[in-house]
C-alpha cells in the first residue's frame, strides 16, 4: 500500500511536469495555468518527500545494506 502511494505521487509529479511544459508552450498570453502546474508539482513533491521520511522512520522503507 505504501509503495503504491509513492508510485502514484511520482506519476502525478511527472504528469504535472509534462502538462506544465505543454501549457507554457501553447499559452502565449499571460495565462496562469503554467504557474498553477508548478505550484501543484511543488506540493506533490513535498508530499512525496514527507511520505518517504515518515516511511523511513516507521520502518516501512528499509535502506539497502551491503
C-alpha atoms as a PDB file:
ATOM      1  CA  UNK A   1       0.000   0.000   0.000  1.00  0.00           C
ATOM      2  CA  UNK A   2       2.808   2.389   0.923  1.00  0.00           C
ATOM      3  CA  UNK A   3       4.712   1.723  -2.286  1.00  0.00           C
ATOM      4  CA  UNK A   4       1.584   2.360  -4.355  1.00  0.00           C
ATOM      5  CA  UNK A   5       1.221   5.793  -2.749  1.00  0.00           C
ATOM      6  CA  UNK A   6       4.825   6.641  -3.642  1.00  0.00           C
ATOM      7  CA  UNK A   7       4.422   5.446  -7.233  1.00  0.00           C
ATOM      8  CA  UNK A   8       1.137   7.340  -7.578  1.00  0.00           C
ATOM      9  CA  UNK A   9       2.755  10.562  -6.369  1.00  0.00           C
ATOM     10  CA  UNK A  10       5.664  10.080  -8.778  1.00  0.00           C
ATOM     11  CA  UNK A  11       3.261   9.564 -11.686  1.00  0.00           C
ATOM     12  CA  UNK A  12       1.302  12.681 -10.715  1.00  0.00           C
ATOM     13  CA  UNK A  13       4.516  14.722 -10.489  1.00  0.00           C
ATOM     14  CA  UNK A  14       5.616  13.597 -13.953  1.00  0.00           C
ATOM     15  CA  UNK A  15       2.130  14.289 -15.343  1.00  0.00           C
ATOM     16  CA  UNK A  16       2.189  17.832 -13.922  1.00  0.00           C
ATOM     17  CA  UNK A  17       5.676  18.351 -15.318  1.00  0.00           C
ATOM     18  CA  UNK A  18       4.537  17.412 -18.829  1.00  0.00           C
ATOM     19  CA  UNK A  19       1.313  19.407 -18.620  1.00  0.00           C
ATOM     20  CA  UNK A  20       3.160  22.480 -17.333  1.00  0.00           C
ATOM     21  CA  UNK A  21       5.554  22.239 -20.269  1.00  0.00           C
ATOM     22  CA  UNK A  22       2.627  21.996 -22.687  1.00  0.00           C
ATOM     23  CA  UNK A  23       0.873  24.949 -21.026  1.00  0.00           C
ATOM     24  CA  UNK A  24       3.989  27.095 -21.315  1.00  0.00           C
ATOM     25  CA  UNK A  25       4.419  26.214 -24.985  1.00  0.00           C
ATOM     26  CA  UNK A  26       0.775  26.669 -26.008  1.00  0.00           C
ATOM     27  CA  UNK A  27      -0.238  29.680 -23.912  1.00  0.00           C
ATOM     28  CA  UNK A  28       1.380  32.712 -25.492  1.00  0.00           C
ATOM     29  CA  UNK A  29      -0.654  35.166 -23.429  1.00  0.00           C
ATOM     30  CA  UNK A  30      -0.369  35.714 -19.710  1.00  0.00           C
ATOM     31  CA  UNK A  31      -2.058  32.529 -18.611  1.00  0.00           C
ATOM     32  CA  UNK A  32      -1.752  31.205 -15.087  1.00  0.00           C
ATOM     33  CA  UNK A  33      -2.011  27.518 -15.999  1.00  0.00           C
ATOM     34  CA  UNK A  34       1.773  27.059 -16.095  1.00  0.00           C
ATOM     35  CA  UNK A  35       2.133  28.638 -12.661  1.00  0.00           C
ATOM     36  CA  UNK A  36      -0.701  26.513 -11.266  1.00  0.00           C
ATOM     37  CA  UNK A  37       1.007  23.401 -12.615  1.00  0.00           C
ATOM     38  CA  UNK A  38       4.266  24.453 -10.946  1.00  0.00           C
ATOM     39  CA  UNK A  39       2.507  25.006  -7.611  1.00  0.00           C
ATOM     40  CA  UNK A  40       0.831  21.612  -7.838  1.00  0.00           C
ATOM     41  CA  UNK A  41       4.136  19.924  -8.671  1.00  0.00           C
ATOM     42  CA  UNK A  42       5.860  21.569  -5.693  1.00  0.00           C
ATOM     43  CA  UNK A  43       3.087  20.478  -3.333  1.00  0.00           C
ATOM     44  CA  UNK A  44       3.165  16.915  -4.678  1.00  0.00           C
ATOM     45  CA  UNK A  45       6.946  16.809  -4.345  1.00  0.00           C
ATOM     46  CA  UNK A  46       6.748  17.970  -0.731  1.00  0.00           C
ATOM     47  CA  UNK A  47       4.107  15.332  -0.005  1.00  0.00           C
ATOM     48  CA  UNK A  48       6.336  12.679  -1.551  1.00  0.00           C
ATOM     49  CA  UNK A  49       9.315  13.841   0.500  1.00  0.00           C
ATOM     50  CA  UNK A  50       7.279  13.792   3.724  1.00  0.00           C
ATOM     51  CA  UNK A  51       5.854  10.369   2.865  1.00  0.00           C
ATOM     52  CA  UNK A  52       9.344   8.954   2.307  1.00  0.00           C
ATOM     53  CA  UNK A  53      10.632  10.410   5.589  1.00  0.00           C
ATOM     54  CA  UNK A  54       7.639   9.081   7.551  1.00  0.00           C
ATOM     55  CA  UNK A  55       8.011   5.685   5.894  1.00  0.00           C
ATOM     56  CA  UNK A  56      11.685   5.576   6.795  1.00  0.00           C
ATOM     57  CA  UNK A  57      11.097   6.427  10.455  1.00  0.00           C
ATOM     58  CA  UNK A  58       8.198   3.963  10.747  1.00  0.00           C
ATOM     59  CA  UNK A  59      10.348   1.214   9.156  1.00  0.00           C
ATOM     60  CA  UNK A  60       8.162   0.901   6.070  1.00  0.00           C
ATOM     61  CA  UNK A  61      11.199   1.679   3.948  1.00  0.00           C
ATOM     62  CA  UNK A  62      14.401  -0.220   4.609  1.00  0.00           C
ATOM     63  CA  UNK A  63      17.722   1.044   3.252  1.00  0.00           C
ATOM     64  CA  UNK A  64      19.855  -1.403   1.329  1.00  0.00           C
ATOM     65  CA  UNK A  65      22.783  -2.737   3.288  1.00  0.00           C
ATOM     66  CA  UNK A  66      25.847  -4.067   1.512  1.00  0.00           C
END
